[in-house]
Amino acid sequence: MSLSRVNVEKIADLARLELSEDEKALYQEQLSAILAYAERLNELDIGNILPTTSAVPLKNVLREDEVRPSLDLEETLFNAPETEKDQFKIQAVFDGE
Protein backbone atom coordinates (compact mmCIF):
# COMPACT_ATOMS: atom_id res chain seq x y z
CA MET A 1 0.00 0.00 0.00
CA SER A 2 1.32 3.39 -0.92
CA LEU A 3 0.36 6.58 0.85
CA SER A 4 -0.30 9.70 -1.14
CA ARG A 5 1.19 13.07 -0.27
CA VAL A 6 -2.31 14.15 0.82
CA ASN A 7 -2.45 11.23 3.30
CA VAL A 8 0.93 12.19 4.77
CA GLU A 9 -0.18 15.82 5.10
CA LYS A 10 -3.39 14.70 6.86
CA ILE A 11 -1.43 12.49 9.28
CA ALA A 12 0.98 15.35 9.99
CA ASP A 13 -1.94 17.69 10.59
CA LEU A 14 -3.56 15.25 13.03
CA ALA A 15 -0.22 14.90 14.85
CA ARG A 16 0.21 18.68 14.84
CA LEU A 17 3.48 18.41 12.93
CA GLU A 18 4.81 21.00 10.52
CA LEU A 19 6.76 19.15 7.85
CA SER A 20 8.96 20.49 5.10
CA GLU A 21 8.51 19.19 1.55
CA ASP A 22 11.60 16.98 2.01
CA GLU A 23 10.19 15.53 5.24
CA LYS A 24 6.83 14.87 3.58
CA ALA A 25 8.57 12.93 0.82
CA LEU A 26 10.66 10.99 3.34
CA TYR A 27 7.68 10.12 5.54
CA GLN A 28 5.59 9.19 2.51
CA GLU A 29 8.23 6.64 1.59
CA GLN A 30 8.74 5.36 5.14
CA LEU A 31 5.05 5.11 6.04
CA SER A 32 4.30 3.37 2.75
CA ALA A 33 7.03 0.80 3.52
CA ILE A 34 5.57 0.22 7.01
CA LEU A 35 2.07 -0.29 5.62
CA ALA A 36 3.38 -2.64 2.93
CA TYR A 37 5.08 -4.74 5.59
CA ALA A 38 1.92 -4.77 7.73
CA GLU A 39 -0.03 -5.88 4.65
CA ARG A 40 2.23 -8.93 4.40
CA LEU A 41 0.90 -10.06 7.78
CA ASN A 42 -2.52 -10.55 6.18
CA GLU A 43 -0.98 -13.36 4.11
CA LEU A 44 -0.26 -15.48 7.20
CA ASP A 45 -2.47 -18.50 7.86
CA ILE A 46 -3.60 -18.03 11.44
CA GLY A 47 -6.68 -20.24 11.25
CA ASN A 48 -5.30 -22.82 13.70
CA ILE A 49 -3.90 -20.32 16.20
CA LEU A 50 -6.02 -19.72 19.28
CA PRO A 51 -6.59 -16.14 20.42
CA THR A 52 -4.44 -15.24 23.40
CA THR A 53 -3.83 -12.27 25.63
CA SER A 54 -0.29 -13.26 26.56
CA ALA A 55 2.53 -15.10 24.83
CA VAL A 56 3.71 -16.68 28.08
CA PRO A 57 1.63 -18.41 30.73
CA LEU A 58 0.79 -16.17 33.68
CA LYS A 59 1.31 -17.41 37.20
CA ASN A 60 1.10 -15.46 40.44
CA VAL A 61 4.02 -16.01 42.75
CA LEU A 62 2.78 -15.67 46.30
CA ARG A 63 4.44 -16.42 49.59
CA GLU A 64 2.75 -17.94 52.56
CA ASP A 65 1.15 -15.40 54.87
CA GLU A 66 3.03 -15.65 58.13
CA VAL A 67 3.11 -13.52 61.26
CA ARG A 68 6.48 -11.88 61.83
CA PRO A 69 7.65 -9.32 64.36
CA SER A 70 7.55 -5.70 63.25
CA LEU A 71 8.88 -2.45 64.69
CA ASP A 72 7.50 -1.48 68.06
CA LEU A 73 5.55 1.76 68.32
CA GLU A 74 8.31 3.77 70.02
CA GLU A 75 10.88 2.78 67.41
CA THR A 76 8.44 3.52 64.56
CA LEU A 77 7.66 7.04 65.77
CA PHE A 78 11.20 7.87 66.93
CA ASN A 79 12.10 10.20 64.02
CA ALA A 80 8.62 11.57 63.40
CA PRO A 81 8.55 15.40 63.45
CA GLU A 82 5.18 15.34 65.21
CA THR A 83 2.99 12.63 66.72
CA GLU A 84 -0.47 12.58 68.21
CA LYS A 85 -2.25 9.66 69.86
CA ASP A 86 0.55 7.26 68.88
CA GLN A 87 0.27 8.21 65.19
CA PHE A 88 2.22 10.35 62.75
CA LYS A 89 0.80 13.87 62.65
CA ILE A 90 0.93 15.53 59.25
CA GLN A 91 -0.16 18.84 57.82
CA ALA A 92 -3.77 18.89 56.64
CA VAL A 93 -4.19 18.15 52.95
CA PHE A 94 -7.53 19.88 52.52
CA ASP A 95 -8.56 23.25 53.96
CA GLY A 96 -11.09 22.11 56.53
CA GLU A 97 -13.34 20.40 53.99
PDB file of N, CA and C in Angstrom:
ATOM      1  N   MET A   1       0.845  -1.177   0.000  1.00  0.00           N
ATOM      2  CA  MET A   1       0.000   0.000   0.000  1.00  0.00           C
ATOM      3  C   MET A   1       0.886   1.235   0.000  1.00  0.00           C
ATOM      4  N   SER A   2       0.537   2.167  -0.811  1.00  0.00           N
ATOM      5  CA  SER A   2       1.323   3.391  -0.916  1.00  0.00           C
ATOM      6  C   SER A   2       0.484   4.579  -0.465  1.00  0.00           C
ATOM      7  N   LEU A   3       1.049   5.373   0.381  1.00  0.00           N
ATOM      8  CA  LEU A   3       0.359   6.576   0.851  1.00  0.00           C
ATOM      9  C   LEU A   3       0.579   7.719  -0.118  1.00  0.00           C
ATOM     10  N   SER A   4      -0.442   8.514  -0.300  1.00  0.00           N
ATOM     11  CA  SER A   4      -0.298   9.697  -1.140  1.00  0.00           C
ATOM     12  C   SER A   4       0.259  10.847  -0.301  1.00  0.00           C
ATOM     13  N   ARG A   5       0.700  11.882  -0.957  1.00  0.00           N
ATOM     14  CA  ARG A   5       1.193  13.068  -0.270  1.00  0.00           C
ATOM     15  C   ARG A   5       0.077  13.658   0.584  1.00  0.00           C
ATOM     16  N   VAL A   6      -1.166  13.618   0.084  1.00  0.00           N
ATOM     17  CA  VAL A   6      -2.314  14.154   0.824  1.00  0.00           C
ATOM     18  C   VAL A   6      -2.508  13.386   2.129  1.00  0.00           C
ATOM     19  N   ASN A   7      -2.335  12.038   2.081  1.00  0.00           N
ATOM     20  CA  ASN A   7      -2.448  11.228   3.301  1.00  0.00           C
ATOM     21  C   ASN A   7      -1.392  11.612   4.328  1.00  0.00           C
ATOM     22  N   VAL A   8      -0.167  11.814   3.868  1.00  0.00           N
ATOM     23  CA  VAL A   8       0.926  12.194   4.766  1.00  0.00           C
ATOM     24  C   VAL A   8       0.639  13.561   5.383  1.00  0.00           C
ATOM     25  N   GLU A   9       0.146  14.488   4.582  1.00  0.00           N
ATOM     26  CA  GLU A   9      -0.179  15.817   5.105  1.00  0.00           C
ATOM     27  C   GLU A   9      -1.301  15.740   6.133  1.00  0.00           C
ATOM     28  N   LYS A  10      -2.290  14.869   5.910  1.00  0.00           N
ATOM     29  CA  LYS A  10      -3.388  14.703   6.861  1.00  0.00           C
ATOM     30  C   LYS A  10      -2.878  14.109   8.180  1.00  0.00           C
ATOM     31  N   ILE A  11      -2.018  13.106   8.082  1.00  0.00           N
ATOM     32  CA  ILE A  11      -1.434  12.491   9.284  1.00  0.00           C
ATOM     33  C   ILE A  11      -0.615  13.523  10.054  1.00  0.00           C
ATOM     34  N   ALA A  12       0.172  14.303   9.339  1.00  0.00           N
ATOM     35  CA  ALA A  12       0.983  15.348   9.985  1.00  0.00           C
ATOM     36  C   ALA A  12       0.090  16.379  10.658  1.00  0.00           C
ATOM     37  N   ASP A  13      -1.004  16.727  10.008  1.00  0.00           N
ATOM     38  CA  ASP A  13      -1.938  17.686  10.589  1.00  0.00           C
ATOM     39  C   ASP A  13      -2.564  17.134  11.865  1.00  0.00           C
ATOM     40  N   LEU A  14      -2.971  15.871  11.830  1.00  0.00           N
ATOM     41  CA  LEU A  14      -3.556  15.247  13.030  1.00  0.00           C
ATOM     42  C   LEU A  14      -2.554  15.171  14.173  1.00  0.00           C
ATOM     43  N   ALA A  15      -1.281  14.982  13.835  1.00  0.00           N
ATOM     44  CA  ALA A  15      -0.224  14.896  14.847  1.00  0.00           C
ATOM     45  C   ALA A  15       0.331  16.270  15.205  1.00  0.00           C
ATOM     46  N   ARG A  16      -0.228  17.302  14.598  1.00  0.00           N
ATOM     47  CA  ARG A  16       0.207  18.685  14.843  1.00  0.00           C
ATOM     48  C   ARG A  16       1.699  18.872  14.517  1.00  0.00           C
ATOM     49  N   LEU A  17       2.100  18.304  13.376  1.00  0.00           N
ATOM     50  CA  LEU A  17       3.485  18.413  12.933  1.00  0.00           C
ATOM     51  C   LEU A  17       3.564  19.317  11.713  1.00  0.00           C
ATOM     52  N   GLU A  18       4.546  20.186  11.701  1.00  0.00           N
ATOM     53  CA  GLU A  18       4.814  20.997  10.524  1.00  0.00           C
ATOM     54  C   GLU A  18       5.986  20.352   9.798  1.00  0.00           C
ATOM     55  N   LEU A  19       5.732  19.864   8.600  1.00  0.00           N
ATOM     56  CA  LEU A  19       6.760  19.152   7.852  1.00  0.00           C
ATOM     57  C   LEU A  19       7.173  19.948   6.628  1.00  0.00           C
ATOM     58  N   SER A  20       8.465  19.887   6.338  1.00  0.00           N
ATOM     59  CA  SER A  20       8.965  20.492   5.100  1.00  0.00           C
ATOM     60  C   SER A  20       8.607  19.560   3.948  1.00  0.00           C
ATOM     61  N   GLU A  21       8.796  20.028   2.721  1.00  0.00           N
ATOM     62  CA  GLU A  21       8.507  19.186   1.552  1.00  0.00           C
ATOM     63  C   GLU A  21       9.409  17.950   1.536  1.00  0.00           C
ATOM     64  N   ASP A  22      10.675  18.118   1.943  1.00  0.00           N
ATOM     65  CA  ASP A  22      11.599  16.978   2.006  1.00  0.00           C
ATOM     66  C   ASP A  22      11.131  15.947   3.044  1.00  0.00           C
ATOM     67  N   GLU A  23      10.675  16.437   4.199  1.00  0.00           N
ATOM     68  CA  GLU A  23      10.187  15.530   5.244  1.00  0.00           C
ATOM     69  C   GLU A  23       8.924  14.809   4.790  1.00  0.00           C
ATOM     70  N   LYS A  24       8.054  15.513   4.089  1.00  0.00           N
ATOM     71  CA  LYS A  24       6.828  14.870   3.583  1.00  0.00           C
ATOM     72  C   LYS A  24       7.179  13.728   2.632  1.00  0.00           C
ATOM     73  N   ALA A  25       8.145  13.972   1.759  1.00  0.00           N
ATOM     74  CA  ALA A  25       8.569  12.931   0.819  1.00  0.00           C
ATOM     75  C   ALA A  25       9.183  11.745   1.564  1.00  0.00           C
ATOM     76  N   LEU A  26      10.016  12.045   2.554  1.00  0.00           N
ATOM     77  CA  LEU A  26      10.661  10.990   3.335  1.00  0.00           C
ATOM     78  C   LEU A  26       9.623  10.166   4.088  1.00  0.00           C
ATOM     79  N   TYR A  27       8.693  10.842   4.765  1.00  0.00           N
ATOM     80  CA  TYR A  27       7.677  10.124   5.540  1.00  0.00           C
ATOM     81  C   TYR A  27       6.703   9.385   4.644  1.00  0.00           C
ATOM     82  N   GLN A  28       6.451   9.905   3.456  1.00  0.00           N
ATOM     83  CA  GLN A  28       5.585   9.194   2.514  1.00  0.00           C
ATOM     84  C   GLN A  28       6.212   7.847   2.161  1.00  0.00           C
ATOM     85  N   GLU A  29       7.514   7.872   1.921  1.00  0.00           N
ATOM     86  CA  GLU A  29       8.234   6.640   1.592  1.00  0.00           C
ATOM     87  C   GLU A  29       8.266   5.689   2.789  1.00  0.00           C
ATOM     88  N   GLN A  30       8.612   6.209   3.957  1.00  0.00           N
ATOM     89  CA  GLN A  30       8.745   5.356   5.143  1.00  0.00           C
ATOM     90  C   GLN A  30       7.396   4.781   5.583  1.00  0.00           C
ATOM     91  N   LEU A  31       6.364   5.608   5.621  1.00  0.00           N
ATOM     92  CA  LEU A  31       5.050   5.115   6.042  1.00  0.00           C
ATOM     93  C   LEU A  31       4.492   4.112   5.043  1.00  0.00           C
ATOM     94  N   SER A  32       4.746   4.325   3.766  1.00  0.00           N
ATOM     95  CA  SER A  32       4.305   3.370   2.750  1.00  0.00           C
ATOM     96  C   SER A  32       4.989   2.019   2.940  1.00  0.00           C
ATOM     97  N   ALA A  33       6.280   2.046   3.281  1.00  0.00           N
ATOM     98  CA  ALA A  33       7.026   0.803   3.523  1.00  0.00           C
ATOM     99  C   ALA A  33       6.472   0.077   4.753  1.00  0.00           C
ATOM    100  N   ILE A  34       6.132   0.825   5.791  1.00  0.00           N
ATOM    101  CA  ILE A  34       5.568   0.215   7.010  1.00  0.00           C
ATOM    102  C   ILE A  34       4.234  -0.429   6.696  1.00  0.00           C
ATOM    103  N   LEU A  35       3.385   0.259   5.966  1.00  0.00           N
ATOM    104  CA  LEU A  35       2.068  -0.292   5.617  1.00  0.00           C
ATOM    105  C   LEU A  35       2.191  -1.507   4.704  1.00  0.00           C
ATOM    106  N   ALA A  36       3.162  -1.489   3.799  1.00  0.00           N
ATOM    107  CA  ALA A  36       3.383  -2.643   2.927  1.00  0.00           C
ATOM    108  C   ALA A  36       3.806  -3.854   3.749  1.00  0.00           C
ATOM    109  N   TYR A  37       4.654  -3.635   4.728  1.00  0.00           N
ATOM    110  CA  TYR A  37       5.079  -4.739   5.590  1.00  0.00           C
ATOM    111  C   TYR A  37       3.895  -5.262   6.402  1.00  0.00           C
ATOM    112  N   ALA A  38       3.086  -4.356   6.949  1.00  0.00           N
ATOM    113  CA  ALA A  38       1.923  -4.774   7.729  1.00  0.00           C
ATOM    114  C   ALA A  38       0.932  -5.544   6.847  1.00  0.00           C
ATOM    115  N   GLU A  39       0.848  -5.181   5.575  1.00  0.00           N
ATOM    116  CA  GLU A  39      -0.031  -5.881   4.648  1.00  0.00           C
ATOM    117  C   GLU A  39       0.408  -7.323   4.458  1.00  0.00           C
ATOM    118  N   ARG A  40       1.711  -7.557   4.532  1.00  0.00           N
ATOM    119  CA  ARG A  40       2.230  -8.926   4.401  1.00  0.00           C
ATOM    120  C   ARG A  40       1.709  -9.824   5.513  1.00  0.00           C
ATOM    121  N   LEU A  41       1.408  -9.254   6.667  1.00  0.00           N
ATOM    122  CA  LEU A  41       0.895 -10.059   7.779  1.00  0.00           C
ATOM    123  C   LEU A  41      -0.468 -10.662   7.459  1.00  0.00           C
ATOM    124  N   ASN A  42      -1.214 -10.018   6.571  1.00  0.00           N
ATOM    125  CA  ASN A  42      -2.519 -10.554   6.176  1.00  0.00           C
ATOM    126  C   ASN A  42      -2.389 -11.859   5.392  1.00  0.00           C
ATOM    127  N   GLU A  43      -1.210 -12.147   4.865  1.00  0.00           N
ATOM    128  CA  GLU A  43      -0.979 -13.363   4.105  1.00  0.00           C
ATOM    129  C   GLU A  43      -0.766 -14.580   5.013  1.00  0.00           C
ATOM    130  N   LEU A  44      -0.517 -14.369   6.283  1.00  0.00           N
ATOM    131  CA  LEU A  44      -0.260 -15.477   7.204  1.00  0.00           C
ATOM    132  C   LEU A  44      -1.522 -16.282   7.448  1.00  0.00           C
ATOM    133  N   ASP A  45      -1.354 -17.616   7.530  1.00  0.00           N
ATOM    134  CA  ASP A  45      -2.472 -18.496   7.860  1.00  0.00           C
ATOM    135  C   ASP A  45      -2.527 -18.642   9.373  1.00  0.00           C
ATOM    136  N   ILE A  46      -3.481 -17.988   9.974  1.00  0.00           N
ATOM    137  CA  ILE A  46      -3.601 -18.031  11.436  1.00  0.00           C
ATOM    138  C   ILE A  46      -4.885 -18.746  11.863  1.00  0.00           C
ATOM    139  N   GLY A  47      -5.433 -19.529  10.973  1.00  0.00           N
ATOM    140  CA  GLY A  47      -6.682 -20.237  11.249  1.00  0.00           C
ATOM    141  C   GLY A  47      -6.603 -21.200  12.424  1.00  0.00           C
ATOM    142  N   ASN A  48      -5.444 -21.822  12.630  1.00  0.00           N
ATOM    143  CA  ASN A  48      -5.295 -22.818  13.704  1.00  0.00           C
ATOM    144  C   ASN A  48      -4.678 -22.245  14.971  1.00  0.00           C
ATOM    145  N   ILE A  49      -4.512 -20.939  15.027  1.00  0.00           N
ATOM    146  CA  ILE A  49      -3.902 -20.318  16.201  1.00  0.00           C
ATOM    147  C   ILE A  49      -5.002 -19.753  17.088  1.00  0.00           C
ATOM    148  N   LEU A  50      -4.998 -20.179  18.336  1.00  0.00           N
ATOM    149  CA  LEU A  50      -6.021 -19.717  19.276  1.00  0.00           C
ATOM    150  C   LEU A  50      -5.739 -18.290  19.714  1.00  0.00           C
ATOM    151  N   PRO A  51      -6.798 -17.508  19.905  1.00  0.00           N
ATOM    152  CA  PRO A  51      -6.593 -16.144  20.422  1.00  0.00           C
ATOM    153  C   PRO A  51      -5.961 -16.209  21.812  1.00  0.00           C
ATOM    154  N   THR A  52      -5.103 -15.265  22.106  1.00  0.00           N
ATOM    155  CA  THR A  52      -4.437 -15.241  23.403  1.00  0.00           C
ATOM    156  C   THR A  52      -4.205 -13.808  23.837  1.00  0.00           C
ATOM    157  N   THR A  53      -4.116 -13.604  25.124  1.00  0.00           N
ATOM    158  CA  THR A  53      -3.826 -12.273  25.631  1.00  0.00           C
ATOM    159  C   THR A  53      -2.375 -12.153  26.069  1.00  0.00           C
ATOM    160  N   SER A  54      -1.672 -13.286  26.134  1.00  0.00           N
ATOM    161  CA  SER A  54      -0.287 -13.261  26.565  1.00  0.00           C
ATOM    162  C   SER A  54       0.478 -14.373  25.861  1.00  0.00           C
ATOM    163  N   ALA A  55       1.717 -14.097  25.512  1.00  0.00           N
ATOM    164  CA  ALA A  55       2.531 -15.104  24.835  1.00  0.00           C
ATOM    165  C   ALA A  55       3.124 -16.118  25.800  1.00  0.00           C
ATOM    166  N   VAL A  56       3.172 -15.782  27.067  1.00  0.00           N
ATOM    167  CA  VAL A  56       3.706 -16.685  28.076  1.00  0.00           C
ATOM    168  C   VAL A  56       2.636 -16.946  29.128  1.00  0.00           C
ATOM    169  N   PRO A  57       2.628 -18.129  29.702  1.00  0.00           N
ATOM    170  CA  PRO A  57       1.630 -18.410  30.734  1.00  0.00           C
ATOM    171  C   PRO A  57       1.821 -17.510  31.961  1.00  0.00           C
ATOM    172  N   LEU A  58       0.723 -17.027  32.503  1.00  0.00           N
ATOM    173  CA  LEU A  58       0.791 -16.166  33.678  1.00  0.00           C
ATOM    174  C   LEU A  58       0.618 -16.998  34.937  1.00  0.00           C
ATOM    175  N   LYS A  59       1.397 -16.693  35.942  1.00  0.00           N
ATOM    176  CA  LYS A  59       1.310 -17.415  37.204  1.00  0.00           C
ATOM    177  C   LYS A  59       1.671 -16.448  38.316  1.00  0.00           C
ATOM    178  N   ASN A  60       0.802 -16.308  39.289  1.00  0.00           N
ATOM    179  CA  ASN A  60       1.099 -15.464  40.437  1.00  0.00           C
ATOM    180  C   ASN A  60       2.078 -16.181  41.360  1.00  0.00           C
ATOM    181  N   VAL A  61       3.053 -15.462  41.810  1.00  0.00           N
ATOM    182  CA  VAL A  61       4.017 -16.008  42.751  1.00  0.00           C
ATOM    183  C   VAL A  61       3.707 -15.374  44.100  1.00  0.00           C
ATOM    184  N   LEU A  62       3.171 -16.172  44.988  1.00  0.00           N
ATOM    185  CA  LEU A  62       2.776 -15.674  46.297  1.00  0.00           C
ATOM    186  C   LEU A  62       3.537 -16.431  47.380  1.00  0.00           C
ATOM    187  N   ARG A  63       3.809 -15.749  48.467  1.00  0.00           N
ATOM    188  CA  ARG A  63       4.437 -16.420  49.591  1.00  0.00           C
ATOM    189  C   ARG A  63       3.362 -16.733  50.618  1.00  0.00           C
ATOM    190  N   GLU A  64       3.663 -17.619  51.476  1.00  0.00           N
ATOM    191  CA  GLU A  64       2.745 -17.942  52.562  1.00  0.00           C
ATOM    192  C   GLU A  64       2.597 -16.728  53.474  1.00  0.00           C
ATOM    193  N   ASP A  65       1.411 -16.507  53.952  1.00  0.00           N
ATOM    194  CA  ASP A  65       1.153 -15.404  54.871  1.00  0.00           C
ATOM    195  C   ASP A  65       1.551 -15.864  56.266  1.00  0.00           C
ATOM    196  N   GLU A  66       2.561 -15.240  56.817  1.00  0.00           N
ATOM    197  CA  GLU A  66       3.031 -15.652  58.135  1.00  0.00           C
ATOM    198  C   GLU A  66       3.217 -14.430  59.026  1.00  0.00           C
ATOM    199  N   VAL A  67       2.957 -14.609  60.289  1.00  0.00           N
ATOM    200  CA  VAL A  67       3.105 -13.524  61.258  1.00  0.00           C
ATOM    201  C   VAL A  67       4.581 -13.393  61.597  1.00  0.00           C
ATOM    202  N   ARG A  68       5.079 -12.153  61.492  1.00  0.00           N
ATOM    203  CA  ARG A  68       6.476 -11.882  61.826  1.00  0.00           C
ATOM    204  C   ARG A  68       6.530 -10.644  62.700  1.00  0.00           C
ATOM    205  N   PRO A  69       7.546 -10.506  63.503  1.00  0.00           N
ATOM    206  CA  PRO A  69       7.651  -9.320  64.356  1.00  0.00           C
ATOM    207  C   PRO A  69       7.895  -8.068  63.502  1.00  0.00           C
ATOM    208  N   SER A  70       7.342  -6.973  63.939  1.00  0.00           N
ATOM    209  CA  SER A  70       7.555  -5.705  63.247  1.00  0.00           C
ATOM    210  C   SER A  70       8.137  -4.702  64.238  1.00  0.00           C
ATOM    211  N   LEU A  71       8.333  -3.468  63.798  1.00  0.00           N
ATOM    212  CA  LEU A  71       8.878  -2.448  64.688  1.00  0.00           C
ATOM    213  C   LEU A  71       7.887  -2.140  65.808  1.00  0.00           C
ATOM    214  N   ASP A  72       8.409  -1.888  66.997  1.00  0.00           N
ATOM    215  CA  ASP A  72       7.497  -1.481  68.061  1.00  0.00           C
ATOM    216  C   ASP A  72       7.130  -0.008  67.864  1.00  0.00           C
ATOM    217  N   LEU A  73       6.104   0.431  68.514  1.00  0.00           N
ATOM    218  CA  LEU A  73       5.550   1.765  68.316  1.00  0.00           C
ATOM    219  C   LEU A  73       6.579   2.860  68.589  1.00  0.00           C
ATOM    220  N   GLU A  74       7.326   2.735  69.670  1.00  0.00           N
ATOM    221  CA  GLU A  74       8.306   3.766  70.024  1.00  0.00           C
ATOM    222  C   GLU A  74       9.383   3.890  68.951  1.00  0.00           C
ATOM    223  N   GLU A  75       9.857   2.770  68.442  1.00  0.00           N
ATOM    224  CA  GLU A  75      10.878   2.778  67.407  1.00  0.00           C
ATOM    225  C   GLU A  75      10.319   3.337  66.089  1.00  0.00           C
ATOM    226  N   THR A  76       9.071   3.043  65.791  1.00  0.00           N
ATOM    227  CA  THR A  76       8.441   3.523  64.563  1.00  0.00           C
ATOM    228  C   THR A  76       8.308   5.042  64.567  1.00  0.00           C
ATOM    229  N   LEU A  77       7.913   5.609  65.693  1.00  0.00           N
ATOM    230  CA  LEU A  77       7.657   7.042  65.768  1.00  0.00           C
ATOM    231  C   LEU A  77       8.877   7.855  66.209  1.00  0.00           C
ATOM    232  N   PHE A  78      10.021   7.216  66.387  1.00  0.00           N
ATOM    233  CA  PHE A  78      11.203   7.868  66.930  1.00  0.00           C
ATOM    234  C   PHE A  78      11.604   9.121  66.150  1.00  0.00           C
ATOM    235  N   ASN A  79      11.658   9.070  64.831  1.00  0.00           N
ATOM    236  CA  ASN A  79      12.102  10.202  64.021  1.00  0.00           C
ATOM    237  C   ASN A  79      10.953  11.053  63.477  1.00  0.00           C
ATOM    238  N   ALA A  80       9.756  10.794  63.904  1.00  0.00           N
ATOM    239  CA  ALA A  80       8.621  11.574  63.402  1.00  0.00           C
ATOM    240  C   ALA A  80       8.702  13.004  63.902  1.00  0.00           C
ATOM    241  N   PRO A  81       8.502  14.002  63.017  1.00  0.00           N
ATOM    242  CA  PRO A  81       8.553  15.399  63.454  1.00  0.00           C
ATOM    243  C   PRO A  81       7.466  15.701  64.476  1.00  0.00           C
ATOM    244  N   GLU A  82       6.285  15.146  64.261  1.00  0.00           N
ATOM    245  CA  GLU A  82       5.180  15.337  65.208  1.00  0.00           C
ATOM    246  C   GLU A  82       4.378  14.048  65.304  1.00  0.00           C
ATOM    247  N   THR A  83       3.870  13.782  66.518  1.00  0.00           N
ATOM    248  CA  THR A  83       2.987  12.632  66.718  1.00  0.00           C
ATOM    249  C   THR A  83       1.793  13.083  67.533  1.00  0.00           C
ATOM    250  N   GLU A  84       0.727  12.320  67.418  1.00  0.00           N
ATOM    251  CA  GLU A  84      -0.471  12.583  68.206  1.00  0.00           C
ATOM    252  C   GLU A  84      -1.228  11.273  68.349  1.00  0.00           C
ATOM    253  N   LYS A  85      -1.538  10.902  69.563  1.00  0.00           N
ATOM    254  CA  LYS A  85      -2.254   9.663  69.865  1.00  0.00           C
ATOM    255  C   LYS A  85      -1.565   8.447  69.234  1.00  0.00           C
ATOM    256  N   ASP A  86      -0.256   8.369  69.403  1.00  0.00           N
ATOM    257  CA  ASP A  86       0.548   7.261  68.877  1.00  0.00           C
ATOM    258  C   ASP A  86       0.447   7.099  67.353  1.00  0.00           C
ATOM    259  N   GLN A  87       0.322   8.225  66.654  1.00  0.00           N
ATOM    260  CA  GLN A  87       0.266   8.208  65.187  1.00  0.00           C
ATOM    261  C   GLN A  87       1.123   9.347  64.652  1.00  0.00           C
ATOM    262  N   PHE A  88       1.529   9.241  63.393  1.00  0.00           N
ATOM    263  CA  PHE A  88       2.219  10.350  62.747  1.00  0.00           C
ATOM    264  C   PHE A  88       1.227  11.484  62.579  1.00  0.00           C
ATOM    265  N   LYS A  89       1.650  12.706  62.871  1.00  0.00           N
ATOM    266  CA  LYS A  89       0.795  13.869  62.654  1.00  0.00           C
ATOM    267  C   LYS A  89       1.362  14.621  61.455  1.00  0.00           C
ATOM    268  N   ILE A  90       0.484  14.846  60.471  1.00  0.00           N
ATOM    269  CA  ILE A  90       0.925  15.532  59.251  1.00  0.00           C
ATOM    270  C   ILE A  90       0.086  16.773  59.032  1.00  0.00           C
ATOM    271  N   GLN A  91       0.580  17.630  58.148  1.00  0.00           N
ATOM    272  CA  GLN A  91      -0.157  18.838  57.816  1.00  0.00           C
ATOM    273  C   GLN A  91      -1.421  18.457  57.052  1.00  0.00           C
ATOM    274  N   ALA A  92      -2.506  19.172  57.314  1.00  0.00           N
ATOM    275  CA  ALA A  92      -3.770  18.888  56.643  1.00  0.00           C
ATOM    276  C   ALA A  92      -3.616  19.032  55.137  1.00  0.00           C
ATOM    277  N   VAL A  93      -4.261  18.139  54.412  1.00  0.00           N
ATOM    278  CA  VAL A  93      -4.187  18.154  52.946  1.00  0.00           C
ATOM    279  C   VAL A  93      -5.257  19.082  52.386  1.00  0.00           C
ATOM    280  N   PHE A  94      -6.432  19.056  52.966  1.00  0.00           N
ATOM    281  CA  PHE A  94      -7.533  19.885  52.518  1.00  0.00           C
ATOM    282  C   PHE A  94      -7.783  21.003  53.524  1.00  0.00           C
ATOM    283  N   ASP A  95      -8.286  22.113  53.075  1.00  0.00           N
ATOM    284  CA  ASP A  95      -8.555  23.251  53.955  1.00  0.00           C
ATOM    285  C   ASP A  95      -9.875  23.087  54.701  1.00  0.00           C
ATOM    286  N   GLY A  96      -9.915  22.263  55.674  1.00  0.00           N
ATOM    287  CA  GLY A  96     -11.087  22.108  56.534  1.00  0.00           C
ATOM    288  C   GLY A  96     -12.306  21.525  55.860  1.00  0.00           C
ATOM    289  N   GLU A  97     -12.175  20.989  54.683  1.00  0.00           N
ATOM    290  CA  GLU A  97     -13.339  20.402  53.990  1.00  0.00           C
ATOM    291  C   GLU A  97     -13.504  18.971  54.365  1.00  0.00           C
TER     292      GLU A  97
END
